[in-house]
N, C-alpha and C. Protein backbone atom coordinates (compact mmCIF):
# COMPACT_ATOMS: atom_id res chain seq x y z
N MET A 1 0.81 -1.19 0.00
CA MET A 1 0.00 0.00 0.00
C MET A 1 0.86 1.27 0.00
N GLU A 2 2.06 1.21 0.60
CA GLU A 2 2.93 2.37 0.62
C GLU A 2 3.32 2.80 -0.78
N TRP A 3 3.37 1.86 -1.68
CA TRP A 3 3.79 2.12 -3.06
C TRP A 3 2.98 3.27 -3.66
N PHE A 4 1.68 3.31 -3.42
CA PHE A 4 0.81 4.33 -4.01
C PHE A 4 0.32 5.36 -3.00
N GLY A 5 0.83 5.31 -1.79
CA GLY A 5 0.54 6.35 -0.81
C GLY A 5 -0.94 6.57 -0.57
N ARG A 6 -1.32 7.83 -0.51
CA ARG A 6 -2.70 8.18 -0.17
C ARG A 6 -3.72 7.74 -1.22
N HIS A 7 -3.25 7.36 -2.41
CA HIS A 7 -4.15 6.95 -3.49
C HIS A 7 -4.37 5.44 -3.54
N ALA A 8 -3.76 4.70 -2.62
CA ALA A 8 -3.83 3.24 -2.68
C ALA A 8 -5.27 2.73 -2.69
N GLY A 9 -6.11 3.25 -1.83
CA GLY A 9 -7.49 2.78 -1.77
C GLY A 9 -8.24 3.00 -3.07
N ARG A 10 -8.06 4.17 -3.65
CA ARG A 10 -8.73 4.49 -4.93
C ARG A 10 -8.24 3.56 -6.03
N LEU A 11 -6.95 3.27 -6.05
CA LEU A 11 -6.39 2.40 -7.08
C LEU A 11 -6.84 0.95 -6.90
N VAL A 12 -6.96 0.50 -5.66
CA VAL A 12 -7.45 -0.85 -5.40
C VAL A 12 -8.85 -1.00 -5.97
N GLU A 13 -9.65 0.03 -5.91
CA GLU A 13 -10.99 0.00 -6.49
C GLU A 13 -10.96 0.10 -8.01
N ALA A 14 -10.11 0.97 -8.54
CA ALA A 14 -10.13 1.29 -9.96
C ALA A 14 -9.46 0.25 -10.85
N ILE A 15 -8.37 -0.32 -10.41
CA ILE A 15 -7.58 -1.17 -11.30
C ILE A 15 -8.32 -2.42 -11.77
N PRO A 16 -9.01 -3.17 -10.92
CA PRO A 16 -9.74 -4.34 -11.45
C PRO A 16 -10.77 -3.96 -12.52
N GLU A 17 -11.47 -2.85 -12.30
CA GLU A 17 -12.45 -2.38 -13.29
C GLU A 17 -11.74 -2.00 -14.59
N GLN A 18 -10.61 -1.32 -14.46
CA GLN A 18 -9.85 -0.92 -15.65
C GLN A 18 -9.33 -2.13 -16.42
N LEU A 19 -8.86 -3.13 -15.70
CA LEU A 19 -8.38 -4.34 -16.37
C LEU A 19 -9.51 -5.04 -17.11
N ALA A 20 -10.68 -5.07 -16.52
CA ALA A 20 -11.83 -5.68 -17.20
C ALA A 20 -12.18 -4.91 -18.47
N ARG A 21 -12.18 -3.58 -18.39
CA ARG A 21 -12.47 -2.77 -19.59
C ARG A 21 -11.39 -2.97 -20.64
N ALA A 22 -10.13 -3.02 -20.23
CA ALA A 22 -9.03 -3.23 -21.18
C ALA A 22 -9.16 -4.59 -21.86
N HIS A 23 -9.52 -5.61 -21.09
CA HIS A 23 -9.71 -6.95 -21.66
C HIS A 23 -10.84 -6.94 -22.69
N THR A 24 -11.94 -6.27 -22.37
CA THR A 24 -13.07 -6.21 -23.31
C THR A 24 -12.64 -5.56 -24.62
N ARG A 25 -11.91 -4.46 -24.53
CA ARG A 25 -11.43 -3.79 -25.74
C ARG A 25 -10.47 -4.68 -26.53
N ALA A 26 -9.55 -5.32 -25.82
CA ALA A 26 -8.55 -6.17 -26.49
C ALA A 26 -9.21 -7.38 -27.13
N HIS A 27 -10.18 -7.97 -26.46
CA HIS A 27 -10.88 -9.12 -27.02
C HIS A 27 -11.64 -8.74 -28.28
N ALA A 28 -12.26 -7.57 -28.27
CA ALA A 28 -12.99 -7.10 -29.46
C ALA A 28 -12.03 -6.91 -30.64
N VAL A 29 -10.86 -6.35 -30.37
CA VAL A 29 -9.86 -6.16 -31.44
C VAL A 29 -9.40 -7.51 -31.97
N HIS A 30 -9.16 -8.45 -31.08
CA HIS A 30 -8.74 -9.79 -31.49
C HIS A 30 -9.79 -10.43 -32.40
N LEU A 31 -11.06 -10.34 -32.01
CA LEU A 31 -12.12 -10.93 -32.83
C LEU A 31 -12.24 -10.22 -34.17
N THR A 32 -12.11 -8.91 -34.18
CA THR A 32 -12.21 -8.13 -35.42
C THR A 32 -11.08 -8.47 -36.37
N ALA A 33 -9.88 -8.68 -35.82
CA ALA A 33 -8.71 -8.98 -36.65
C ALA A 33 -8.82 -10.35 -37.30
N ARG A 34 -9.55 -11.25 -36.69
CA ARG A 34 -9.74 -12.60 -37.21
C ARG A 34 -8.43 -13.31 -37.50
N LEU A 35 -7.47 -13.12 -36.60
CA LEU A 35 -6.18 -13.80 -36.71
C LEU A 35 -6.12 -14.95 -35.71
N LYS A 36 -5.33 -15.97 -36.04
CA LYS A 36 -5.16 -17.09 -35.13
C LYS A 36 -4.29 -16.71 -33.93
N LYS A 37 -3.30 -15.89 -34.18
CA LYS A 37 -2.40 -15.46 -33.10
C LYS A 37 -3.07 -14.38 -32.27
N ARG A 38 -2.59 -14.22 -31.06
CA ARG A 38 -3.20 -13.25 -30.15
C ARG A 38 -2.45 -11.92 -30.09
N SER A 39 -1.61 -11.63 -31.04
CA SER A 39 -0.86 -10.37 -30.98
C SER A 39 -1.75 -9.13 -30.96
N PRO A 40 -2.87 -9.08 -31.70
CA PRO A 40 -3.74 -7.90 -31.58
C PRO A 40 -4.28 -7.76 -30.16
N TYR A 41 -4.59 -8.89 -29.52
CA TYR A 41 -5.10 -8.85 -28.16
C TYR A 41 -4.04 -8.28 -27.21
N GLY A 42 -2.85 -8.83 -27.27
CA GLY A 42 -1.79 -8.43 -26.34
C GLY A 42 -1.40 -6.97 -26.46
N SER A 43 -1.21 -6.51 -27.68
CA SER A 43 -0.79 -5.11 -27.85
C SER A 43 -1.92 -4.15 -27.47
N THR A 44 -3.16 -4.51 -27.78
CA THR A 44 -4.29 -3.65 -27.40
C THR A 44 -4.48 -3.65 -25.89
N LEU A 45 -4.34 -4.81 -25.26
CA LEU A 45 -4.48 -4.88 -23.81
C LEU A 45 -3.44 -3.99 -23.13
N ALA A 46 -2.19 -4.10 -23.55
CA ALA A 46 -1.12 -3.30 -22.94
C ALA A 46 -1.38 -1.80 -23.10
N GLU A 47 -1.78 -1.40 -24.29
CA GLU A 47 -2.03 0.02 -24.52
C GLU A 47 -3.26 0.51 -23.74
N ALA A 48 -4.30 -0.30 -23.69
CA ALA A 48 -5.50 0.09 -22.94
C ALA A 48 -5.19 0.22 -21.45
N VAL A 49 -4.38 -0.66 -20.91
CA VAL A 49 -4.00 -0.58 -19.49
C VAL A 49 -3.19 0.69 -19.25
N ARG A 50 -2.23 0.99 -20.13
CA ARG A 50 -1.45 2.23 -19.99
C ARG A 50 -2.36 3.45 -20.02
N GLU A 51 -3.28 3.48 -20.99
CA GLU A 51 -4.21 4.62 -21.09
C GLU A 51 -5.06 4.75 -19.83
N ASN A 52 -5.58 3.64 -19.34
CA ASN A 52 -6.42 3.68 -18.14
C ASN A 52 -5.65 4.18 -16.93
N LEU A 53 -4.41 3.70 -16.76
CA LEU A 53 -3.60 4.16 -15.63
C LEU A 53 -3.27 5.64 -15.75
N ALA A 54 -2.98 6.10 -16.97
CA ALA A 54 -2.70 7.53 -17.19
C ALA A 54 -3.93 8.37 -16.88
N ASP A 55 -5.09 7.92 -17.32
CA ASP A 55 -6.33 8.65 -17.02
C ASP A 55 -6.59 8.72 -15.52
N THR A 56 -6.34 7.61 -14.84
CA THR A 56 -6.53 7.59 -13.39
C THR A 56 -5.55 8.53 -12.70
N ALA A 57 -4.31 8.54 -13.15
CA ALA A 57 -3.32 9.46 -12.57
C ALA A 57 -3.78 10.91 -12.71
N ARG A 58 -4.30 11.25 -13.88
CA ARG A 58 -4.80 12.61 -14.09
C ARG A 58 -5.96 12.93 -13.13
N GLU A 59 -6.87 11.97 -12.97
CA GLU A 59 -8.00 12.16 -12.05
C GLU A 59 -7.52 12.40 -10.62
N LEU A 60 -6.39 11.80 -10.26
CA LEU A 60 -5.83 11.92 -8.92
C LEU A 60 -4.85 13.09 -8.81
N ASP A 61 -4.76 13.90 -9.87
CA ASP A 61 -3.81 15.02 -9.93
C ASP A 61 -2.37 14.56 -9.76
N GLU A 62 -2.07 13.40 -10.32
CA GLU A 62 -0.70 12.88 -10.32
C GLU A 62 -0.13 13.07 -11.72
N ALA A 63 1.16 12.77 -11.87
CA ALA A 63 1.87 13.02 -13.12
C ALA A 63 1.62 11.92 -14.14
N VAL A 64 1.76 12.30 -15.41
CA VAL A 64 1.77 11.37 -16.53
C VAL A 64 2.97 11.73 -17.37
N ARG A 65 3.80 10.76 -17.68
CA ARG A 65 5.01 11.00 -18.47
C ARG A 65 4.89 10.33 -19.83
N ASP A 66 5.35 11.02 -20.85
CA ASP A 66 5.41 10.46 -22.20
C ASP A 66 6.80 9.87 -22.38
N VAL A 67 6.84 8.57 -22.65
CA VAL A 67 8.10 7.88 -22.88
C VAL A 67 8.00 7.20 -24.24
N ARG A 68 8.71 7.76 -25.20
CA ARG A 68 8.73 7.21 -26.57
C ARG A 68 7.32 7.04 -27.15
N GLY A 69 6.48 8.02 -26.89
CA GLY A 69 5.14 8.01 -27.45
C GLY A 69 4.10 7.29 -26.63
N PHE A 70 4.48 6.71 -25.53
CA PHE A 70 3.54 6.03 -24.65
C PHE A 70 3.42 6.82 -23.36
N GLU A 71 2.19 6.94 -22.86
CA GLU A 71 1.96 7.65 -21.61
C GLU A 71 2.00 6.66 -20.44
N TYR A 72 2.72 7.06 -19.40
CA TYR A 72 2.83 6.25 -18.20
C TYR A 72 2.43 7.08 -16.99
N ALA A 73 1.61 6.49 -16.12
CA ALA A 73 1.23 7.14 -14.89
C ALA A 73 2.42 7.14 -13.93
N VAL A 74 2.55 8.25 -13.20
CA VAL A 74 3.54 8.33 -12.13
C VAL A 74 2.75 8.73 -10.88
N ILE A 75 2.50 7.75 -10.03
CA ILE A 75 1.66 7.95 -8.86
C ILE A 75 2.52 7.80 -7.61
N ASN A 76 2.49 8.83 -6.77
CA ASN A 76 3.29 8.84 -5.55
C ASN A 76 4.77 8.64 -5.89
N ASP A 77 5.20 9.29 -6.98
CA ASP A 77 6.58 9.23 -7.48
C ASP A 77 7.01 7.86 -7.97
N HIS A 78 6.05 6.97 -8.28
CA HIS A 78 6.37 5.65 -8.82
C HIS A 78 5.77 5.51 -10.21
N HIS A 79 6.60 5.07 -11.12
CA HIS A 79 6.18 4.79 -12.49
C HIS A 79 5.31 3.55 -12.49
N SER A 80 4.17 3.63 -13.15
CA SER A 80 3.24 2.51 -13.18
C SER A 80 2.98 2.08 -14.61
N SER A 81 3.11 0.79 -14.86
CA SER A 81 2.83 0.27 -16.19
C SER A 81 2.34 -1.16 -16.06
N PRO A 82 1.85 -1.76 -17.15
CA PRO A 82 1.35 -3.13 -17.07
C PRO A 82 2.38 -4.12 -16.55
N SER A 83 3.66 -3.89 -16.81
CA SER A 83 4.68 -4.85 -16.40
C SER A 83 5.39 -4.44 -15.11
N ASN A 84 4.96 -3.36 -14.50
CA ASN A 84 5.64 -2.83 -13.32
C ASN A 84 4.79 -3.02 -12.08
N THR A 85 5.32 -3.75 -11.13
CA THR A 85 4.61 -3.98 -9.88
C THR A 85 5.52 -3.64 -8.72
N PRO A 86 4.98 -3.48 -7.53
CA PRO A 86 5.83 -3.20 -6.37
C PRO A 86 6.88 -4.26 -6.11
N THR A 87 6.72 -5.46 -6.67
CA THR A 87 7.72 -6.49 -6.47
C THR A 87 8.90 -6.32 -7.42
N ASP A 88 8.84 -5.32 -8.29
CA ASP A 88 9.92 -5.05 -9.23
C ASP A 88 10.45 -3.65 -9.00
N PRO A 89 11.22 -3.45 -7.92
CA PRO A 89 11.66 -2.09 -7.55
C PRO A 89 12.59 -1.45 -8.57
N SER A 90 13.20 -2.23 -9.44
CA SER A 90 14.12 -1.65 -10.43
C SER A 90 13.37 -0.75 -11.42
N LEU A 91 12.06 -0.91 -11.53
CA LEU A 91 11.27 -0.12 -12.47
C LEU A 91 10.44 0.96 -11.79
N SER A 92 10.70 1.21 -10.51
CA SER A 92 9.77 2.00 -9.72
C SER A 92 9.73 3.49 -10.05
N ASN A 93 10.73 4.05 -10.69
CA ASN A 93 10.72 5.48 -10.93
C ASN A 93 11.12 5.82 -12.35
N VAL A 94 10.46 6.81 -12.89
CA VAL A 94 10.81 7.37 -14.19
C VAL A 94 11.31 8.78 -13.92
N PRO A 95 12.51 9.12 -14.39
CA PRO A 95 13.01 10.48 -14.13
C PRO A 95 12.12 11.54 -14.74
N GLY A 96 12.08 12.68 -14.04
CA GLY A 96 11.54 13.92 -14.50
C GLY A 96 10.24 14.08 -14.99
């Protein structure tokens, strides 16, 4: 909980809902693409999760950083992304 500070409770509520919405979007893209491989699903899921986290950061008056064209939430001075969790401290901060 310390990872996200005063926003931890709000994020605990928001993230499962956001993941469900991201999955719905990614699944729709996968079905529309009509491909056997799941690459449309995976790339859409990752981008939707990044967008959702960035939107939530803005709602919480936290920072959003653009890194190579992708927006990443920075909540309580910690960089947040689909592959970044509190168990991976090497990814915890994005400069500036």
